[in-house]
Protein backbone atom coordinates (compact mmCIF):
# COMPACT_ATOMS: atom_id res chain seq x y z
CA UNK A 1 15.79 -10.53 -16.23
CA UNK A 2 13.52 -8.49 -14.30
CA UNK A 3 10.79 -6.45 -15.98
CA UNK A 4 8.93 -3.63 -14.72
CA UNK A 5 5.21 -2.49 -16.25
CA UNK A 6 4.73 1.67 -16.13
CA UNK A 7 4.26 4.41 -18.12
CA UNK A 8 6.27 6.40 -20.18
CA UNK A 9 9.28 8.21 -18.41
CA UNK A 10 7.65 7.31 -14.25
CA UNK A 11 11.12 8.97 -12.55
CA UNK A 12 11.04 5.39 -10.25
CA UNK A 13 11.17 3.37 -12.74
CA UNK A 14 13.94 5.56 -14.80
CA UNK A 15 15.96 5.47 -11.25
CA UNK A 16 16.24 2.05 -10.37
CA UNK A 17 17.05 1.05 -13.61
CA UNK A 18 20.36 3.87 -13.60
CA UNK A 19 20.43 2.33 -10.26
CA UNK A 20 21.10 -1.46 -12.02
CA UNK A 21 23.42 0.14 -15.44
CA UNK A 22 25.35 1.27 -12.73
CA UNK A 23 26.64 -1.30 -11.63
CA UNK A 24 26.77 -3.53 -14.67
CA UNK A 25 23.25 -4.78 -14.96
CA UNK A 26 21.76 -5.46 -18.28
CA UNK A 27 18.69 -7.44 -17.97
CA UNK A 28 16.24 -4.70 -16.53
CA UNK A 29 13.40 -3.81 -18.66
CA UNK A 30 10.88 -1.70 -18.92
CA UNK A 31 7.16 -1.85 -21.10
CA UNK A 32 5.55 0.99 -21.40
CA UNK A 33 1.64 0.48 -20.50
CA UNK A 34 0.61 3.96 -21.89
CA UNK A 35 2.14 3.13 -25.51
CA UNK A 36 0.74 0.19 -26.15
CA UNK A 37 -1.47 1.53 -28.54
CA UNK A 38 0.53 2.04 -32.58
CA UNK A 39 2.77 -0.04 -31.76
CA UNK A 40 3.45 -4.00 -32.12
CA UNK A 41 3.20 -4.17 -28.67
CA UNK A 42 1.95 -7.01 -27.64
CA UNK A 43 1.88 -10.82 -28.21
CA UNK A 44 -0.01 -14.21 -27.12
CA UNK A 45 -1.22 -17.26 -28.97
CA UNK A 46 -3.09 -20.05 -27.01
CA UNK A 47 -0.74 -23.09 -28.51
CA UNK A 48 2.26 -20.14 -27.46
CA UNK A 49 2.90 -20.24 -31.14
CA UNK A 50 4.40 -17.11 -31.57
CA UNK A 51 5.60 -17.10 -27.49
CA UNK A 52 3.60 -14.94 -24.88
CA UNK A 53 6.23 -11.14 -25.59
CA UNK A 54 5.49 -7.88 -25.04
CA UNK A 55 8.17 -4.93 -26.66
CA UNK A 56 10.15 -2.67 -23.97
CA UNK A 57 11.03 0.34 -24.12
CA UNK A 58 14.08 -0.07 -26.01
CA UNK A 59 12.28 -1.39 -28.90
CA UNK A 60 13.10 -5.23 -27.84
CA UNK A 61 10.67 -7.96 -28.34
CA UNK A 62 10.76 -9.31 -24.70
CA UNK A 63 9.99 -13.29 -24.35
CA UNK A 64 7.98 -13.15 -20.99
CA UNK A 65 9.22 -17.05 -20.50
CA UNK A 66 12.94 -15.19 -19.52
CA UNK A 67 11.88 -12.81 -17.19
CA UNK A 68 12.53 -13.59 -13.27
CA UNK A 69 10.82 -10.71 -11.97
CA UNK A 70 8.45 -8.66 -13.04
CA UNK A 71 7.89 -5.48 -10.88
CA UNK A 72 4.10 -4.48 -11.55
CA UNK A 73 4.84 -0.84 -11.20
CA UNK A 74 1.72 1.71 -13.39
CA UNK A 75 -0.74 -0.38 -14.72
CA UNK A 76 -3.85 0.78 -15.66
CA UNK A 77 -2.92 4.17 -17.04
CA UNK A 78 -4.72 5.53 -20.35
CA UNK A 79 -2.78 5.18 -24.43
CA UNK A 80 -1.34 8.85 -25.42
CA UNK A 81 -1.74 7.49 -29.11
CA UNK A 82 -6.41 7.63 -27.69
CA UNK A 83 -6.04 10.71 -26.51
CA UNK A 84 -5.48 11.99 -29.91
CA UNK A 85 -8.61 10.61 -30.74
CA UNK A 86 -12.33 12.99 -30.72
CA UNK A 87 -14.30 10.07 -30.53
CA UNK A 88 -15.81 8.91 -26.90
CA UNK A 89 -15.90 5.34 -27.98
CA UNK A 90 -12.51 4.49 -29.53
CA UNK A 91 -10.69 6.51 -27.86
CA UNK A 92 -12.47 3.96 -24.33
CA UNK A 93 -12.38 1.04 -26.95
CA UNK A 94 -8.45 1.42 -27.35
CA UNK A 95 -7.88 2.14 -23.34
CA UNK A 96 -9.51 -1.32 -22.79
CA UNK A 97 -8.71 -3.87 -24.80
CA UNK A 98 -5.35 -2.31 -24.92
CA UNK A 99 -5.04 -2.77 -20.90
CA UNK A 100 -7.20 -6.23 -20.70
CA UNK A 101 -4.68 -7.88 -23.56
CA UNK A 102 -1.45 -6.34 -21.26
CA UNK A 103 -3.08 -7.87 -17.76
CA UNK A 104 -4.58 -10.65 -19.83
CA UNK A 105 -1.12 -11.49 -21.27
CA UNK A 106 0.86 -11.77 -18.31
CA UNK A 107 -1.85 -13.93 -16.20
CA UNK A 108 -1.36 -16.54 -19.25
CA UNK A 109 2.23 -16.70 -19.67
CA UNK A 110 3.62 -15.40 -17.04
CA UNK A 111 5.46 -17.58 -14.00
CA UNK A 112 7.53 -15.97 -12.53
CA UNK A 113 7.82 -13.75 -9.84
CA UNK A 114 5.42 -10.60 -8.75
CA UNK A 115 6.14 -7.60 -7.26
CA UNK A 116 3.61 -7.76 -6.17
CA UNK A 117 1.04 -9.49 -7.31
CA UNK A 118 -1.57 -7.24 -9.50
CA UNK A 119 -5.21 -8.61 -7.39
CA UNK A 120 -3.04 -8.24 -3.66
CA UNK A 121 -2.40 -5.13 -5.30
CA UNK A 122 -5.66 -4.08 -5.97
CA UNK A 123 -6.86 -5.57 -2.35
CA UNK A 124 -3.99 -3.98 -0.66
CA UNK A 125 -4.98 -0.81 -2.09
CA UNK A 126 -8.63 -0.61 -0.46
CA UNK A 127 -8.28 1.55 2.21
CA UNK A 128 -10.27 0.34 5.17
CA UNK A 129 -9.41 -3.11 4.71
CA UNK A 130 -6.46 -2.48 4.65
CA UNK A 131 -7.56 -0.69 8.18
CA UNK A 132 -8.80 -3.99 9.48
CA UNK A 133 -5.78 -6.03 8.53
CA UNK A 134 -3.72 -3.16 10.12
CA UNK A 135 -5.78 -3.68 13.05
CA UNK A 136 -5.87 -7.66 13.23
CA UNK A 137 -1.74 -7.34 13.43
CA UNK A 138 -2.14 -4.92 16.00
CA UNK A 139 -1.31 -1.84 15.32
CA UNK A 140 -3.62 0.87 16.98
CA UNK A 141 -5.91 2.22 14.09
CA UNK A 142 -7.93 5.46 14.24
CA UNK A 143 -11.51 5.16 14.81
CA UNK A 144 -13.10 5.41 10.90
CA UNK A 145 -15.99 5.92 9.75
CA UNK A 146 -17.40 5.40 6.23
CA UNK A 147 -21.04 6.96 5.46
CA UNK A 148 -23.19 9.90 3.79
CA UNK A 149 -24.99 10.90 6.43
CA UNK A 150 -24.21 14.63 8.10
CA UNK A 151 -26.29 13.27 11.38
CA UNK A 152 -23.54 10.15 11.26
CA UNK A 153 -20.59 12.25 11.25
CA UNK A 154 -22.08 14.64 13.97
CA UNK A 155 -22.20 12.22 16.06
CA UNK A 156 -19.01 10.50 15.36
CA UNK A 157 -17.68 13.88 15.68
CA UNK A 158 -19.25 13.81 19.50
CA UNK A 159 -18.04 10.36 20.13
CA UNK A 160 -13.87 11.10 19.16
CA UNK A 161 -13.35 14.97 19.60
CA UNK A 162 -12.13 16.18 16.59
CA UNK A 163 -11.81 14.50 12.84
CA UNK A 164 -10.75 14.48 9.63
CA UNK A 165 -11.87 13.90 5.86
CA UNK A 166 -9.99 12.59 2.66
CA UNK A 167 -11.17 10.09 -0.68
CA UNK A 168 -11.67 6.07 -0.19
CA UNK A 169 -10.63 5.71 -3.63
CA UNK A 170 -9.81 9.54 -4.59
CA UNK A 171 -9.24 10.51 -8.89
CA UNK A 172 -6.52 11.28 -10.55
CA UNK A 173 -5.44 14.83 -10.75
CA UNK A 174 -4.65 17.46 -8.35
CA UNK A 175 -3.76 16.07 -5.11
CA UNK A 176 -6.47 15.42 -2.59
CA UNK A 177 -4.97 15.79 0.90
CA UNK A 178 -6.25 15.25 4.04
CA UNK A 179 -8.81 18.11 5.75
CA UNK A 180 -9.64 18.88 8.79
CA UNK A 181 -13.63 18.64 10.03
CA UNK A 182 -14.24 21.08 12.68
CA UNK A 183 -17.99 21.70 12.75
CA UNK A 184 -19.80 18.75 10.03
CA UNK A 185 -22.98 20.67 11.45
CA UNK A 186 -22.14 23.83 9.33
CA UNK A 187 -21.90 21.44 6.03
CA UNK A 188 -25.06 21.27 4.02
CA UNK A 189 -26.33 17.35 3.26
CA UNK A 190 -25.96 17.01 0.35
CA UNK A 191 -21.67 17.27 0.63
CA UNK A 192 -22.40 14.18 2.37
CA UNK A 193 -24.80 11.83 -0.41
CA UNK A 194 -22.62 12.90 -3.00
CA UNK A 195 -20.33 10.08 -2.52
CA UNK A 196 -19.32 8.55 0.62
CA UNK A 197 -16.25 9.58 2.36
CA UNK A 198 -13.80 8.21 5.35
CA UNK A 199 -14.21 10.13 8.51
CA UNK A 200 -11.59 8.99 11.11
CA UNK A 201 -10.51 10.56 14.98
CA UNK A 202 -7.46 13.16 14.71
CA UNK A 203 -4.44 11.39 15.77
CA UNK A 204 -2.62 14.58 18.02
CA UNK A 205 1.34 14.95 17.62
CA UNK A 206 3.15 16.41 15.16
CA UNK A 207 5.57 13.39 14.53
CA UNK A 208 4.85 11.33 10.83
CA UNK A 209 6.54 7.71 9.85
CA UNK A 210 7.34 7.64 6.28
CA UNK A 211 8.63 3.62 6.65
CA UNK A 212 9.21 2.12 2.81
CA UNK A 213 9.68 -1.36 2.82
CA UNK A 214 11.53 -3.14 0.23
CA UNK A 215 11.13 -7.45 0.95
CA UNK A 216 12.87 -7.71 4.53
CA UNK A 217 14.39 -4.31 4.59
CA UNK A 218 12.99 -1.01 6.27
CA UNK A 219 14.07 2.14 5.12
CA UNK A 220 12.28 4.75 7.48
CA UNK A 221 11.85 8.58 7.26
CA UNK A 222 10.58 11.10 10.57
CA UNK A 223 8.84 13.93 9.48
CA UNK A 224 8.24 16.72 11.80
CA UNK A 225 5.44 18.98 10.71
CA UNK A 226 2.21 20.24 12.61
CA UNK A 227 0.43 20.06 9.27
CA UNK A 228 -1.96 17.42 9.31
CA UNK A 229 -0.97 16.00 5.88
CA UNK A 230 2.77 16.68 5.50
CA UNK A 231 3.06 16.17 1.49
CA UNK A 232 2.59 20.13 0.71
CA UNK A 233 5.65 21.04 2.36
CA UNK A 234 8.74 19.29 2.45
CA UNK A 235 10.79 22.03 4.00
CA UNK A 236 10.25 20.50 7.54
CA UNK A 237 12.74 18.49 9.88
CA UNK A 238 13.59 14.66 7.72
CA UNK A 239 15.39 12.74 9.37
CA UNK A 240 16.17 8.81 9.29
CA UNK A 241 13.78 6.90 11.68
CA UNK A 242 15.35 3.87 13.18
CA UNK A 243 12.21 1.26 13.43
CA UNK A 244 11.48 -0.34 16.69
CA UNK A 245 11.64 -4.15 16.27
CA UNK A 246 7.71 -3.96 17.35
CA UNK A 247 6.50 -2.04 14.68
CA UNK A 248 9.12 -4.16 11.96
CA UNK A 249 7.16 -7.24 12.98
CA UNK A 250 3.59 -5.57 12.94
CA UNK A 251 4.83 -4.41 9.67
CA UNK A 252 5.37 -7.25 8.01
CA UNK A 253 2.76 -9.13 9.49
CA UNK A 254 0.37 -7.14 7.72
CA UNK A 255 2.79 -6.90 4.61
CA UNK A 256 2.48 -11.15 4.48
CA UNK A 257 -0.95 -10.25 4.88
CA UNK A 258 -2.15 -8.30 2.15
CA UNK A 259 0.30 -10.76 -0.15
CA UNK A 260 2.69 -7.75 -0.59
CA UNK A 261 6.49 -7.99 -1.28
CA UNK A 262 6.67 -3.93 -0.94
CA UNK A 263 4.88 -0.68 0.27
CA UNK A 264 5.24 2.55 1.86
CA UNK A 265 3.64 2.83 4.67
CA UNK A 266 2.09 6.17 6.98
CA UNK A 267 2.25 6.39 10.57
CA UNK A 268 1.57 8.73 13.13
CA UNK A 269 3.47 8.86 16.33
CA UNK A 270 1.37 9.65 19.44
CA UNK A 271 2.29 12.53 21.49
CA UNK A 272 3.71 9.73 23.72
CA UNK A 273 5.17 7.70 21.22
CA UNK A 274 2.02 5.92 20.19
CA UNK A 275 2.35 4.70 16.75
CA UNK A 276 -0.83 4.50 14.58
CA UNK A 277 -1.22 2.76 11.56
CA UNK A 278 -2.65 5.35 8.67
CA UNK A 279 -2.36 3.41 5.37
CA UNK A 280 0.26 1.03 2.48
CA UNK A 281 0.39 2.60 -0.86
CA UNK A 282 1.18 -0.69 -2.62
CA UNK A 283 3.76 1.03 -4.70
CA UNK A 284 3.81 3.84 -3.60
CA UNK A 285 6.81 6.80 -3.93
CA UNK A 286 9.92 6.51 -2.22
CA UNK A 287 12.62 8.74 -4.94
CA UNK A 288 11.04 12.08 -2.61
CA UNK A 289 13.39 10.67 0.57
CA UNK A 290 16.38 10.17 -0.89
CA UNK A 291 18.07 13.25 -1.69
CA UNK A 292 16.19 14.44 2.04
CA UNK A 293 17.65 10.64 3.71
CA UNK A 294 21.12 11.00 1.87
CA UNK A 295 20.18 7.07 1.54
CA UNK A 296 20.27 5.43 -1.77
CA UNK A 297 17.14 3.69 -1.76
CA UNK A 298 17.21 3.72 -5.60
CA UNK A 299 20.16 0.93 -5.10
CA UNK A 300 18.30 -0.60 -2.08
CA UNK A 301 15.09 -1.34 -4.53
CA UNK A 302 17.60 -2.66 -7.70
CA UNK A 303 18.94 -4.29 -4.95
CA UNK A 304 15.07 -5.94 -3.92
CA UNK A 305 14.69 -6.48 -6.72
CA UNK A 306 17.92 -8.55 -8.20
CA UNK A 307 17.77 -11.12 -4.75
CA UNK A 308 14.23 -11.97 -5.59
CA UNK A 309 15.30 -12.61 -9.53
CA UNK A 310 18.74 -14.53 -7.88
CA UNK A 311 16.24 -16.12 -5.31
CA UNK A 312 13.29 -17.11 -8.99
CA UNK A 313 16.32 -19.03 -10.57
CA UNK A 314 15.62 -23.17 -10.53
CA UNK A 315 18.38 -25.20 -8.32
């Protein structure tokens, strides 16, 4: 049995469930973590009576003991019901306690396989930590600075040449795209001291790789654009990219060190073809590439989940 924890109407979750249904697989369930409030969604007892259960999107009280694989897709959304209250304290209480109860019950009662472990997912989402791990695995990574000092950034730009900036973590809301900083000395000090940011050397080239790793399977796209950040415009040449053996080995090493079973990896190819690691999203989007590549990624991902479910069965 496969359980996905996500938000209502998450496209990836629904697409993979549809892939399972087409194959006649009925044991794919969704737990909507933003719909806990207002329903009898969770149950757990320290003595096991009643057994730990979660309410699925189909209204089934699902015993966690029956679940073989848990896809930890989207897990920390606020409650939809809480958005209706104008009381800030009540809203925070409902959001925090629903989130905490779900995480606590899963940690206490779930004994199956995670895709991927919550603590590993959180740790791997740290851009600075994953950079160091990628470097240890043999990847070239951009020279990077994190600072709140305008002078540090000016000195860094003089050292490495053209630089880019992106958030350390970011925030929910509009996408924050990676941007150039051509002249940091022209930016007020207050813009730097407001919060730390990630400053990196610009890696030249127009070939970007989006590599989706599902277990030991790799599905990669080559995106050719002069844009620094390819996400705003996908009306550019996009084709399948055959992952070189050494890149596959390095990616597998990074994910193993991060304790991730999957990941969406961004790589930049230099004009000489050298792969440069940019980052990994532990639960990154991949469905947008399905029509562009003609590759059934939802089916591939279901195969990945199913193989893990079969492997976790007692012998």
